[in-house]
Amino acid sequence: MQSIGIICEYNPFHKGHQKQLRMIRERFGEEAAIVCVMSGDFVQRGEPALYPASVRAKAAVLAGADLVLELPLTYSLRSAEGFADGGVEILSELGVVEHLCFGCERQEGLTETARVLCTEDFSAELKKQLETGISFASARQRALEAMGCDGTVIETPNNILGVEYCKAILRRQSRLQPMPILRQGGYHDESPDAENPSAASLRKTEDFLPYVPEETVPCYEGQPQYRREYGERAMLARLRTMTEEEFSQVPYGSEGLWSKVMRLCRQGGSVEEILQGAKSKRYAYTRLSRLLMCAFLGISQQLLEKRAPYVRILALSGRGRALLRQAKAGSSLTLLHAGERPPVCEYAEAEARAALCYDLFCEQPNYRKYREEDTVFCAEKM
């Protein structure tokens, strides 16, 4: 049985995601097992997920995935490089996944670009470009071009992530084989495409149910949504009362950025006002958003960089259950079912804290859903 991995957020799961699952089965056969490593209740752009991880994982399995594992909180809130590396780490150490499938805007040059990015010569050239004061994204593209490479490979969001996946595979000497597929539709579309919607456009759409697979509609019906604006006052209360020492330990605050953000937090009347005040050519909006969320959740730079001690199982099919038995026999991962008590450690404390804070972002203030009440969704179909 061939096993294919996907690193994802499914925020929310939609028809475009289901099309990717179908394309995998068209290539590897109906018996292929699909393993998804999915962000939990907080996503890489530094925001709460629109729906809890349990809801999104169930939708994925109903639409064709076989096993959904949770990308640990601290991996989900890393930069694109750290997010990709964390997902590759988990899929590699599971021990049963052969391929990593991901969408991209163009399929040529991804691995070649990744090889260059892994060299010491590139690191030196990147440092030189950063010293000019331009953003990291611009500096990296110029550094590639200075080394005679095609910098346009990393101009688009999915290609950037695709190159990071290839980098992580190379650095970890992973057995995973990259499987890039051409992504249809626009990443930043304001309104959703009927067959290839972007998750970003669906989060802005009042009724996104026409754009999700029919079998997943019940997962979302009647479920409250979670958005940053619903928990903004809670965020501001925490951010305004943090000490200088606490702010100095927050990720993404290097070069004195934490000090500027701290001042803005004590003056700003909204999270958006803080983000816009701190944003510049050098410091992207998403980096600042992750900084604020890490500060709110009490995640330090040291904790963000640590290896997660366990990975949670969120949902599985009959095929996924069989694959999991095979994986546990030779895997170096500690796998926990949702709701299963984790070992006592700093990461577990942060995870429990984040689970409680996630409730504060719910549109229904009295709706409370603790992680301990979650169960693994098991679909009987193979």
Protein backbone atom coordinates (compact mmCIF):
# COMPACT_ATOMS: atom_id res chain seq x y z
CA MET A 1 0.00 0.00 0.00
CA GLN A 2 1.47 3.35 -1.08
CA SER A 3 1.26 6.15 1.50
CA ILE A 4 1.20 9.83 0.56
CA GLY A 5 1.53 12.74 2.98
CA ILE A 6 -0.01 16.21 2.89
CA ILE A 7 0.93 19.11 5.18
CA CYS A 8 -2.11 21.33 5.49
CA GLU A 9 -4.43 23.60 7.46
CA TYR A 10 -7.83 22.90 5.85
CA ASN A 11 -9.10 26.24 7.11
CA PRO A 12 -11.70 25.20 5.97
CA PHE A 13 -11.55 21.98 3.91
CA HIS A 14 -13.05 22.69 0.46
CA LYS A 15 -13.56 21.23 -3.02
CA GLY A 16 -10.04 22.15 -4.11
CA HIS A 17 -8.62 20.07 -1.28
CA GLN A 18 -10.81 17.12 -2.25
CA LYS A 19 -9.58 17.45 -5.84
CA GLN A 20 -6.01 17.02 -4.56
CA LEU A 21 -7.03 13.79 -2.79
CA ARG A 22 -8.62 12.51 -6.02
CA MET A 23 -5.49 13.35 -8.02
CA ILE A 24 -3.38 11.35 -5.57
CA ARG A 25 -5.64 8.30 -5.95
CA GLU A 26 -5.66 8.66 -9.73
CA ARG A 27 -1.87 8.43 -9.67
CA PHE A 28 -1.34 5.80 -6.95
CA GLY A 29 -4.59 3.84 -7.05
CA GLU A 30 -7.66 3.60 -4.86
CA GLU A 31 -5.80 1.60 -2.20
CA ALA A 32 -3.32 4.42 -1.56
CA ALA A 33 -3.35 5.78 2.00
CA ILE A 34 -3.39 9.56 2.48
CA VAL A 35 -1.88 10.96 5.69
CA CYS A 36 -2.57 14.62 6.52
CA VAL A 37 -0.53 16.59 9.05
CA MET A 38 -2.86 19.49 9.84
CA SER A 39 -2.52 22.63 11.95
CA GLY A 40 -4.49 22.52 15.18
CA ASP A 41 -6.58 25.33 16.65
CA PHE A 42 -4.09 28.03 15.62
CA VAL A 43 -2.72 28.44 12.10
CA GLN A 44 0.52 29.61 10.52
CA ARG A 45 -0.63 33.15 9.80
CA GLY A 46 -0.95 33.73 13.56
CA GLU A 47 -4.73 33.46 13.87
CA PRO A 48 -7.23 31.05 15.41
CA ALA A 49 -8.51 28.45 12.96
CA LEU A 50 -12.04 29.10 11.68
CA TYR A 51 -13.19 25.77 13.17
CA PRO A 52 -11.62 23.50 15.80
CA ALA A 53 -9.10 20.92 14.64
CA SER A 54 -11.56 18.10 15.41
CA VAL A 55 -14.15 19.56 13.00
CA ARG A 56 -11.65 20.12 10.18
CA ALA A 57 -10.07 16.67 10.63
CA LYS A 58 -13.47 14.96 10.45
CA ALA A 59 -14.26 16.85 7.22
CA ALA A 60 -10.95 15.70 5.71
CA VAL A 61 -11.61 12.01 6.44
CA LEU A 62 -15.21 12.19 5.20
CA ALA A 63 -13.86 13.67 1.95
CA GLY A 64 -11.24 10.96 1.39
CA ALA A 65 -8.25 11.34 3.74
CA ASP A 66 -7.24 8.27 5.78
CA LEU A 67 -5.32 9.62 8.76
CA VAL A 68 -5.17 13.15 10.17
CA LEU A 69 -2.44 14.03 12.66
CA GLU A 70 -2.20 17.38 14.39
CA LEU A 71 0.76 19.57 13.52
CA PRO A 72 1.92 20.63 17.01
CA LEU A 73 1.02 24.13 18.16
CA THR A 74 4.60 25.37 18.14
CA TYR A 75 5.17 24.02 14.62
CA SER A 76 1.97 25.65 13.34
CA LEU A 77 3.07 29.08 14.57
CA ARG A 78 6.52 28.96 12.97
CA SER A 79 7.58 30.75 9.80
CA ALA A 80 7.02 29.02 6.46
CA GLU A 81 10.42 27.33 6.82
CA GLY A 82 9.65 26.01 10.31
CA PHE A 83 6.08 25.03 9.41
CA ALA A 84 7.33 22.98 6.44
CA ASP A 85 10.17 21.43 8.42
CA GLY A 86 7.83 20.41 11.25
CA GLY A 87 5.45 18.67 8.86
CA VAL A 88 8.29 16.87 7.06
CA GLU A 89 9.71 15.79 10.45
CA ILE A 90 6.42 14.13 11.43
CA LEU A 91 5.77 12.43 8.08
CA SER A 92 9.36 11.19 7.92
CA GLU A 93 9.40 9.80 11.45
CA LEU A 94 6.04 8.12 11.02
CA GLY A 95 8.03 5.67 8.94
CA VAL A 96 5.37 4.63 6.44
CA VAL A 97 4.96 7.63 4.12
CA GLU A 98 6.79 7.64 0.78
CA HIS A 99 5.59 10.81 -0.95
CA LEU A 100 4.78 14.41 0.01
CA CYS A 101 2.08 15.97 -2.17
CA PHE A 102 1.64 19.75 -2.29
CA GLY A 103 0.11 22.36 -4.57
CA CYS A 104 2.21 24.97 -6.37
CA GLU A 105 1.85 27.66 -9.00
CA ARG A 106 4.65 26.16 -11.13
CA GLN A 107 6.32 22.76 -10.85
CA GLU A 108 9.72 23.44 -12.39
CA GLY A 109 12.82 24.25 -10.37
CA LEU A 110 11.53 23.60 -6.84
CA THR A 111 14.10 21.01 -5.74
CA GLU A 112 16.92 22.77 -7.60
CA THR A 113 16.09 26.04 -5.84
CA ALA A 114 15.92 24.24 -2.49
CA ARG A 115 19.43 22.82 -3.03
CA VAL A 116 20.84 26.31 -3.59
CA LEU A 117 19.05 27.67 -0.51
CA CYS A 118 20.76 24.98 1.60
CA THR A 119 24.30 26.11 0.66
CA GLU A 120 26.65 28.26 2.74
CA ASP A 121 27.25 30.52 -0.27
CA PHE A 122 23.56 31.36 -0.36
CA SER A 123 23.50 32.12 3.39
CA ALA A 124 26.36 34.59 2.93
CA GLU A 125 24.66 36.27 -0.04
CA LEU A 126 21.34 36.46 1.85
CA LYS A 127 23.03 38.16 4.80
CA LYS A 128 24.53 40.73 2.44
CA GLN A 129 21.14 41.47 0.90
CA LEU A 130 19.42 41.75 4.30
CA GLU A 131 21.97 44.36 5.37
CA THR A 132 20.51 46.70 2.74
CA GLY A 133 17.30 46.91 4.82
CA ILE A 134 14.93 45.15 2.43
CA SER A 135 12.41 42.51 3.49
CA PHE A 136 13.44 38.89 3.95
CA ALA A 137 11.37 37.82 0.93
CA SER A 138 13.01 40.40 -1.34
CA ALA A 139 16.46 39.67 0.03
CA ARG A 140 16.07 35.95 -0.59
CA GLN A 141 14.91 36.48 -4.17
CA ARG A 142 17.79 38.87 -4.90
CA ALA A 143 20.28 36.48 -3.31
CA LEU A 144 19.07 33.67 -5.58
CA GLU A 145 19.40 35.89 -8.64
CA ALA A 146 22.89 36.99 -7.57
CA MET A 147 23.86 33.30 -7.62
CA GLY A 148 22.54 32.87 -11.16
CA CYS A 149 19.23 31.23 -10.20
CA ASP A 150 15.66 32.02 -11.19
CA GLY A 151 14.30 34.12 -8.33
CA THR A 152 10.76 34.03 -9.71
CA VAL A 153 10.40 30.43 -8.46
CA ILE A 154 9.74 31.84 -4.97
CA GLU A 155 7.48 34.72 -5.95
CA THR A 156 4.18 32.98 -5.19
CA PRO A 157 2.83 31.64 -1.85
CA ASN A 158 2.46 27.95 -2.67
CA ASN A 159 5.79 27.82 -4.49
CA ILE A 160 7.50 29.38 -1.47
CA LEU A 161 6.07 26.64 0.73
CA GLY A 162 6.86 23.98 -1.87
CA VAL A 163 10.52 25.00 -1.90
CA GLU A 164 10.54 24.88 1.90
CA TYR A 165 9.18 21.32 1.80
CA CYS A 166 11.98 20.35 -0.59
CA LYS A 167 14.55 22.07 1.66
CA ALA A 168 13.32 20.17 4.70
CA ILE A 169 13.46 16.86 2.82
CA LEU A 170 17.04 17.55 1.72
CA ARG A 171 18.25 18.72 5.13
CA ARG A 172 16.67 15.79 6.94
CA GLN A 173 17.78 13.33 4.27
CA SER A 174 14.20 12.14 4.32
CA ARG A 175 12.88 9.26 2.25
CA LEU A 176 9.95 11.44 1.19
CA GLN A 177 9.65 12.08 -2.55
CA PRO A 178 8.21 15.52 -3.49
CA MET A 179 5.00 15.33 -5.53
CA PRO A 180 4.11 18.87 -6.65
CA ILE A 181 0.78 19.34 -8.40
CA LEU A 182 -0.32 22.45 -10.24
CA ARG A 183 -2.68 24.53 -8.11
CA GLN A 184 -5.67 25.94 -9.97
CA GLY A 185 -7.39 29.13 -8.87
CA GLY A 186 -5.88 32.15 -7.12
CA TYR A 187 -4.41 32.05 -3.61
CA HIS A 188 -5.54 35.60 -2.84
CA ASP A 189 -8.91 35.55 -4.64
CA GLU A 190 -11.42 37.88 -3.00
CA SER A 191 -14.39 35.77 -4.12
CA PRO A 192 -14.31 31.95 -4.32
CA ASP A 193 -13.98 30.08 -7.61
CA ALA A 194 -16.72 27.45 -7.99
CA GLU A 195 -14.40 24.45 -8.34
CA ASN A 196 -11.05 25.80 -7.13
CA PRO A 197 -11.81 28.14 -4.23
CA SER A 198 -9.09 29.50 -1.99
CA ALA A 199 -9.48 29.02 1.76
CA ALA A 200 -8.82 32.75 2.20
CA SER A 201 -11.81 33.66 0.02
CA LEU A 202 -14.05 31.19 1.88
CA ARG A 203 -13.18 32.76 5.23
CA LYS A 204 -14.48 36.05 3.84
CA THR A 205 -17.66 34.51 2.42
CA GLU A 206 -20.83 34.58 4.52
CA ASP A 207 -22.00 31.20 3.17
CA PHE A 208 -19.14 28.99 2.02
CA LEU A 209 -21.05 25.69 2.14
CA PRO A 210 -21.61 25.60 -1.67
CA TYR A 211 -17.82 25.40 -2.05
CA VAL A 212 -17.17 22.40 0.21
CA PRO A 213 -17.73 18.70 -0.62
CA GLU A 214 -21.33 17.62 -0.02
CA GLU A 215 -20.32 14.96 2.51
CA THR A 216 -18.54 17.54 4.68
CA VAL A 217 -21.42 20.04 4.94
CA PRO A 218 -22.79 18.51 8.20
CA CYS A 219 -19.37 19.09 9.82
CA TYR A 220 -19.85 22.84 9.56
CA GLU A 221 -23.61 23.25 9.97
CA GLY A 222 -24.49 24.62 13.39
CA GLN A 223 -20.84 24.98 14.39
CA PRO A 224 -19.77 28.41 15.69
CA GLN A 225 -16.82 30.07 14.02
CA TYR A 226 -13.62 31.27 15.67
CA ARG A 227 -12.03 34.54 14.57
CA ARG A 228 -9.41 36.85 16.01
CA GLU A 229 -11.80 39.75 16.27
CA TYR A 230 -14.10 37.79 18.61
CA GLY A 231 -11.29 37.45 21.15
CA GLU A 232 -9.63 40.79 20.57
CA ARG A 233 -10.34 42.25 24.02
CA ALA A 234 -8.85 39.18 25.68
CA MET A 235 -5.73 39.53 23.52
CA LEU A 236 -5.36 43.21 24.31
CA ALA A 237 -5.74 42.60 28.05
CA ARG A 238 -2.88 40.11 27.98
CA LEU A 239 -0.64 42.10 25.61
CA ARG A 240 -1.02 45.35 27.54
CA THR A 241 0.01 43.79 30.84
CA MET A 242 3.07 41.84 29.66
CA THR A 243 6.40 42.90 31.14
CA GLU A 244 9.50 43.90 29.18
CA GLU A 245 11.11 40.60 30.17
CA GLU A 246 8.15 38.64 28.79
CA PHE A 247 8.11 40.59 25.53
CA SER A 248 11.86 40.14 25.06
CA GLN A 249 11.38 36.34 24.99
CA VAL A 250 8.63 36.37 22.33
CA PRO A 251 9.44 34.84 18.91
CA TYR A 252 9.88 37.08 15.84
CA GLY A 253 10.88 40.07 18.03
CA SER A 254 14.56 40.28 17.07
CA GLU A 255 16.37 43.52 16.20
CA GLY A 256 14.40 45.34 18.89
CA LEU A 257 11.07 44.73 17.15
CA TRP A 258 9.60 43.38 20.41
CA SER A 259 10.15 46.78 22.06
CA LYS A 260 8.29 48.61 19.29
CA VAL A 261 5.44 46.10 19.43
CA MET A 262 5.25 46.39 23.23
CA ARG A 263 4.79 50.17 22.98
CA LEU A 264 2.11 49.77 20.32
CA CYS A 265 0.29 47.18 22.45
CA ARG A 266 0.07 49.64 25.32
CA GLN A 267 -1.29 52.38 23.06
CA GLY A 268 -3.33 50.65 20.34
CA GLY A 269 -7.07 50.23 20.57
CA SER A 270 -7.20 47.13 18.37
CA VAL A 271 -5.00 44.27 17.25
CA GLU A 272 -5.22 45.50 13.67
CA GLU A 273 -4.00 48.95 14.75
CA ILE A 274 -0.98 47.34 16.43
CA LEU A 275 -0.19 45.24 13.36
CA GLN A 276 -0.47 48.15 10.95
CA GLY A 277 1.67 50.32 13.22
CA ALA A 278 4.47 47.75 13.33
CA LYS A 279 4.29 46.59 9.69
CA SER A 280 7.06 47.75 7.34
CA LYS A 281 9.01 46.61 4.28
CA ARG A 282 11.23 44.59 6.61
CA TYR A 283 8.55 43.15 8.90
CA ALA A 284 5.66 41.42 7.15
CA TYR A 285 2.11 41.40 8.51
CA THR A 286 2.05 37.62 9.02
CA ARG A 287 5.29 37.67 11.03
CA LEU A 288 3.82 40.32 13.31
CA SER A 289 0.57 38.40 13.61
CA ARG A 290 2.50 35.32 14.75
CA LEU A 291 4.47 37.47 17.19
CA LEU A 292 1.28 38.75 18.83
CA MET A 293 -0.33 35.31 19.00
CA CYS A 294 2.78 33.76 20.52
CA ALA A 295 2.86 36.58 23.07
CA PHE A 296 -0.80 36.05 23.92
CA LEU A 297 -0.39 32.28 24.29
CA GLY A 298 2.83 32.56 26.30
CA ILE A 299 5.05 30.83 23.72
CA SER A 300 8.71 31.83 23.95
CA GLN A 301 11.36 31.64 21.25
CA GLN A 302 12.96 28.76 23.11
CA LEU A 303 9.73 26.73 23.23
CA LEU A 304 8.92 27.50 19.58
CA GLU A 305 12.23 25.97 18.48
CA LYS A 306 11.99 22.84 20.63
CA ARG A 307 11.00 19.48 19.22
CA ALA A 308 7.38 18.66 20.14
CA PRO A 309 7.33 15.62 22.47
CA TYR A 310 4.21 14.07 20.93
CA VAL A 311 1.75 14.29 18.05
CA ARG A 312 -2.03 13.94 18.40
CA ILE A 313 -4.20 11.66 16.27
CA LEU A 314 -7.32 13.57 15.21
CA ALA A 315 -9.24 11.36 12.75
CA LEU A 316 -8.85 8.19 10.70
CA SER A 317 -10.58 5.79 8.34
CA GLY A 318 -10.36 2.00 8.38
CA ARG A 319 -7.35 2.21 6.06
CA GLY A 320 -5.86 4.84 8.32
CA ARG A 321 -6.29 2.57 11.35
CA ALA A 322 -4.36 -0.18 9.57
CA LEU A 323 -1.64 2.26 8.54
CA LEU A 324 -1.39 3.54 12.11
CA ARG A 325 -0.79 0.01 13.42
CA GLN A 326 1.96 -0.39 10.85
CA ALA A 327 3.47 2.99 11.76
CA LYS A 328 3.48 2.39 15.52
CA ALA A 329 5.60 -0.72 15.05
CA GLY A 330 8.59 1.21 13.75
CA SER A 331 7.90 4.90 14.39
CA SER A 332 9.98 7.14 16.65
CA LEU A 333 6.95 9.39 17.20
CA THR A 334 4.88 9.42 20.37
CA LEU A 335 1.29 9.41 19.11
CA LEU A 336 -1.65 10.40 21.33
CA HIS A 337 -5.37 10.13 20.69
CA ALA A 338 -7.25 13.42 21.14
CA GLY A 339 -8.16 13.71 24.79
CA GLU A 340 -5.42 11.31 25.89
CA ARG A 341 -3.34 12.74 28.74
CA PRO A 342 0.11 13.87 27.54
CA PRO A 343 3.35 13.62 29.52
CA VAL A 344 4.00 16.49 31.94
CA CYS A 345 6.22 18.99 30.11
CA GLU A 346 6.48 22.62 29.06
CA TYR A 347 4.93 21.93 25.67
CA ALA A 348 1.89 20.19 27.20
CA GLU A 349 1.34 23.18 29.48
CA ALA A 350 1.45 25.54 26.50
CA GLU A 351 -0.92 23.31 24.53
CA ALA A 352 -3.44 23.21 27.41
CA ARG A 353 -3.19 26.98 27.80
CA ALA A 354 -3.80 27.47 24.07
CA ALA A 355 -6.83 25.15 24.15
CA LEU A 356 -8.42 27.30 26.86
CA CYS A 357 -7.53 30.54 25.07
CA TYR A 358 -8.99 29.25 21.78
CA ASP A 359 -12.44 29.31 23.39
CA LEU A 360 -12.10 33.09 23.77
CA PHE A 361 -12.16 33.50 19.98
CA CYS A 362 -15.56 31.81 19.57
CA GLU A 363 -18.44 33.86 18.15
CA GLN A 364 -20.71 32.34 20.82
CA PRO A 365 -19.29 33.54 24.16
CA ASN A 366 -20.95 30.79 26.18
CA TYR A 367 -19.83 27.97 23.89
CA ARG A 368 -17.08 26.01 25.66
CA LYS A 369 -15.30 23.04 24.19
CA TYR A 370 -12.29 21.67 26.04
CA ARG A 371 -9.72 19.41 24.40
CA GLU A 372 -10.37 16.72 27.04
CA GLU A 373 -13.85 16.26 25.61
CA ASP A 374 -12.59 15.67 22.07
CA THR A 375 -12.54 12.17 20.65
CA VAL A 376 -10.83 10.77 17.57
CA PHE A 377 -13.26 10.59 14.63
CA CYS A 378 -13.18 7.09 13.11
CA ALA A 379 -14.80 6.44 9.74
CA GLU A 380 -15.61 2.78 9.18
CA LYS A 381 -15.09 2.87 5.42
CA MET A 382 -11.72 1.79 4.03
